[in-house]
Amino acid sequence: MAFPHLAVERNEHPVDLVERLAAQHQWAFDRDGVDELSINVAGEWTNYNVAFTWLEDMEALHVACVFDLKIPPLRNGEVLALISLINEQLWIGHFDIWPQDGVIMFRHTIVLAGGADLNRCQCETVLTNAVIACERYYQAFQFVVWAGHSGREALEQAMIVTKGHA
């Protein structure tokens, strides 16, 4: 079923709002075009690049959070198994492998159909959720890629919560 695309007037381009938010927080960012913006966010385990892309034909803002972890081809199957286990636990967004670069990314899309406006709270929430998800599962990806664990083993080890301080 095809739906006709209707021209919708918006109060503000969604990426303009994201850019303003990044500037207010003094986050390093690059505006790659009218419809794209990338923000660099420092995490506890690594740095993240969070890209916001406006998809006008779908009236959606795609958010992708990438971290620097290339998957060796021999570990690809086990990383996919880990991603499947992780995605079962997520309510918002999902992990995926970007096939062109072989990197892991967290993705989410905000649908703004019918001319709905994006708001600051939505932007902050999706960006925060993306970074928290990446931080939470970063070690599991490391265990699979560099330590040779299975996806299930890596997830179990990464989810161990320690109490107290060493």
Protein backbone atom coordinates (compact mmCIF):
# COMPACT_ATOMS: atom_id res chain seq x y z
CA MET A 1 0.00 0.00 0.00
CA ALA A 2 1.52 3.32 -1.04
CA PHE A 3 0.71 6.52 0.75
CA PRO A 4 0.96 9.83 -1.07
CA HIS A 5 3.59 12.20 0.28
CA LEU A 6 2.06 15.47 1.35
CA ALA A 7 4.05 18.65 1.68
CA VAL A 8 3.97 19.63 5.33
CA GLU A 9 4.82 23.00 6.78
CA ARG A 10 6.94 22.74 9.92
CA ASN A 11 7.65 25.43 12.48
CA GLU A 12 11.32 24.44 12.45
CA HIS A 13 13.54 21.96 10.62
CA PRO A 14 14.15 19.09 13.09
CA VAL A 15 17.93 19.16 12.55
CA ASP A 16 17.98 22.90 13.37
CA LEU A 17 16.57 22.08 16.80
CA VAL A 18 19.21 19.36 17.32
CA GLU A 19 21.95 21.82 16.31
CA ARG A 20 20.68 24.43 18.76
CA LEU A 21 20.59 21.82 21.52
CA ALA A 22 24.17 20.72 20.77
CA ALA A 23 25.38 24.32 20.80
CA GLN A 24 23.62 25.04 24.11
CA HIS A 25 25.30 22.02 25.71
CA GLN A 26 28.62 22.94 24.07
CA TRP A 27 28.90 19.51 22.47
CA ALA A 28 31.27 19.16 19.54
CA PHE A 29 29.20 18.75 16.38
CA ASP A 30 29.33 18.93 12.60
CA ARG A 31 26.45 19.96 10.39
CA ASP A 32 27.03 17.71 7.40
CA GLY A 33 24.19 19.20 5.37
CA VAL A 34 20.70 20.60 5.74
CA ASP A 35 19.36 17.22 6.86
CA GLU A 36 22.33 15.84 8.84
CA LEU A 37 24.16 16.62 12.05
CA SER A 38 26.73 14.59 14.01
CA ILE A 39 27.46 15.10 17.71
CA ASN A 40 30.52 13.74 19.52
CA VAL A 41 29.76 12.47 23.02
CA ALA A 42 32.34 11.22 25.52
CA GLY A 43 31.27 8.11 27.38
CA GLU A 44 32.85 6.14 30.19
CA TRP A 45 34.11 3.37 27.90
CA THR A 46 34.69 5.22 24.63
CA ASN A 47 33.60 8.20 22.54
CA TYR A 48 30.38 8.05 20.55
CA ASN A 49 29.31 9.72 17.34
CA VAL A 50 25.57 10.37 17.37
CA ALA A 51 24.23 11.22 13.91
CA PHE A 52 20.80 12.79 13.40
CA THR A 53 19.41 12.51 9.86
CA TRP A 54 16.10 13.99 8.74
CA LEU A 55 14.28 11.73 6.26
CA GLU A 56 11.74 14.08 4.75
CA ASP A 57 9.92 11.52 2.62
CA MET A 58 9.20 9.47 5.77
CA GLU A 59 8.80 12.48 8.07
CA ALA A 60 11.24 10.85 10.45
CA LEU A 61 14.40 11.75 12.32
CA HIS A 62 16.84 8.84 12.28
CA VAL A 63 19.36 8.68 15.13
CA ALA A 64 22.45 6.47 14.91
CA CYS A 65 25.05 6.14 17.67
CA VAL A 66 28.34 4.60 16.55
CA PHE A 67 31.45 3.72 18.48
CA ASP A 68 34.88 2.72 17.22
CA LEU A 69 34.80 -1.08 17.21
CA LYS A 70 35.39 -2.82 13.89
CA ILE A 71 34.22 -6.40 13.72
CA PRO A 72 36.71 -8.91 12.34
CA PRO A 73 34.92 -11.08 9.75
CA LEU A 74 35.47 -14.25 11.82
CA ARG A 75 33.54 -12.72 14.77
CA ASN A 76 30.63 -11.39 12.70
CA GLY A 77 28.30 -14.33 13.42
CA GLU A 78 28.87 -14.16 17.17
CA VAL A 79 28.37 -10.37 17.18
CA LEU A 80 25.07 -10.87 15.35
CA ALA A 81 24.06 -13.43 18.00
CA LEU A 82 24.92 -10.92 20.74
CA ILE A 83 22.96 -8.18 18.96
CA SER A 84 19.93 -10.46 18.82
CA LEU A 85 20.16 -11.16 22.57
CA ILE A 86 20.57 -7.47 23.37
CA ASN A 87 17.73 -6.34 21.10
CA GLU A 88 15.37 -8.71 22.94
CA GLN A 89 15.97 -6.59 26.05
CA LEU A 90 15.50 -3.16 24.48
CA TRP A 91 12.19 -1.30 24.43
CA ILE A 92 13.46 1.69 22.47
CA GLY A 93 15.88 1.49 19.55
CA HIS A 94 18.03 -1.43 18.47
CA PHE A 95 21.60 -2.41 17.70
CA ASP A 96 22.69 -3.20 14.18
CA ILE A 97 25.84 -3.64 12.11
CA TRP A 98 26.56 -1.00 9.50
CA PRO A 99 27.57 -3.30 6.63
CA GLN A 100 29.69 -0.82 4.66
CA ASP A 101 32.06 -0.21 7.58
CA GLY A 102 31.52 -3.30 9.74
CA VAL A 103 30.83 -1.22 12.85
CA ILE A 104 28.19 -1.63 15.53
CA MET A 105 25.56 1.07 15.86
CA PHE A 106 22.54 1.81 17.98
CA ARG A 107 19.61 3.10 15.91
CA HIS A 108 16.30 4.73 16.67
CA THR A 109 13.82 6.75 14.63
CA ILE A 110 11.45 9.46 15.78
CA VAL A 111 8.42 9.59 13.48
CA LEU A 112 6.99 13.10 13.05
CA ALA A 113 4.21 12.25 10.62
CA GLY A 114 1.56 14.80 9.76
CA GLY A 115 3.76 17.78 10.54
CA ALA A 116 4.41 16.97 14.20
CA ASP A 117 7.17 19.12 15.65
CA LEU A 118 10.22 17.73 17.36
CA ASN A 119 10.86 19.05 20.84
CA ARG A 120 13.95 19.46 22.99
CA CYS A 121 12.92 16.74 25.44
CA GLN A 122 12.55 14.20 22.62
CA CYS A 123 16.04 15.04 21.31
CA GLU A 124 17.69 14.84 24.73
CA THR A 125 15.87 11.60 25.56
CA VAL A 126 16.78 9.79 22.35
CA LEU A 127 20.40 10.96 22.51
CA THR A 128 20.69 9.95 26.19
CA ASN A 129 19.02 6.59 25.54
CA ALA A 130 21.40 5.86 22.66
CA VAL A 131 24.52 6.61 24.70
CA ILE A 132 23.24 4.71 27.75
CA ALA A 133 22.49 1.65 25.61
CA CYS A 134 25.95 1.78 24.03
CA GLU A 135 27.63 2.23 27.42
CA ARG A 136 25.63 -0.62 28.92
CA TYR A 137 26.54 -3.14 26.23
CA TYR A 138 29.97 -1.87 25.14
CA GLN A 139 31.87 -4.41 27.23
CA ALA A 140 29.77 -7.29 25.89
CA PHE A 141 30.77 -6.31 22.34
CA GLN A 142 34.42 -6.12 23.48
CA PHE A 143 34.18 -9.60 25.03
CA VAL A 144 32.91 -11.06 21.75
CA VAL A 145 35.23 -9.18 19.38
CA TRP A 146 38.49 -9.24 21.34
CA ALA A 147 38.16 -11.97 23.99
CA GLY A 148 36.49 -14.55 21.74
CA HIS A 149 33.47 -15.19 23.98
CA SER A 150 30.10 -16.30 22.64
CA GLY A 151 27.34 -13.70 22.54
CA ARG A 152 25.54 -15.30 25.51
CA GLU A 153 28.71 -15.53 27.63
CA ALA A 154 29.65 -11.95 26.83
CA LEU A 155 26.21 -10.64 27.74
CA GLU A 156 26.19 -12.55 31.03
CA GLN A 157 29.65 -11.24 31.97
CA ALA A 158 28.89 -7.67 30.97
CA MET A 159 25.65 -7.59 32.97
CA ILE A 160 27.27 -8.58 36.27
CA VAL A 161 26.63 -5.74 38.69
CA THR A 162 29.31 -5.23 41.30
CA LYS A 163 28.55 -3.76 44.69
CA GLY A 164 30.89 -1.58 46.66
CA HIS A 165 34.27 -0.21 45.65
CA ALA A 166 37.62 -1.87 45.18
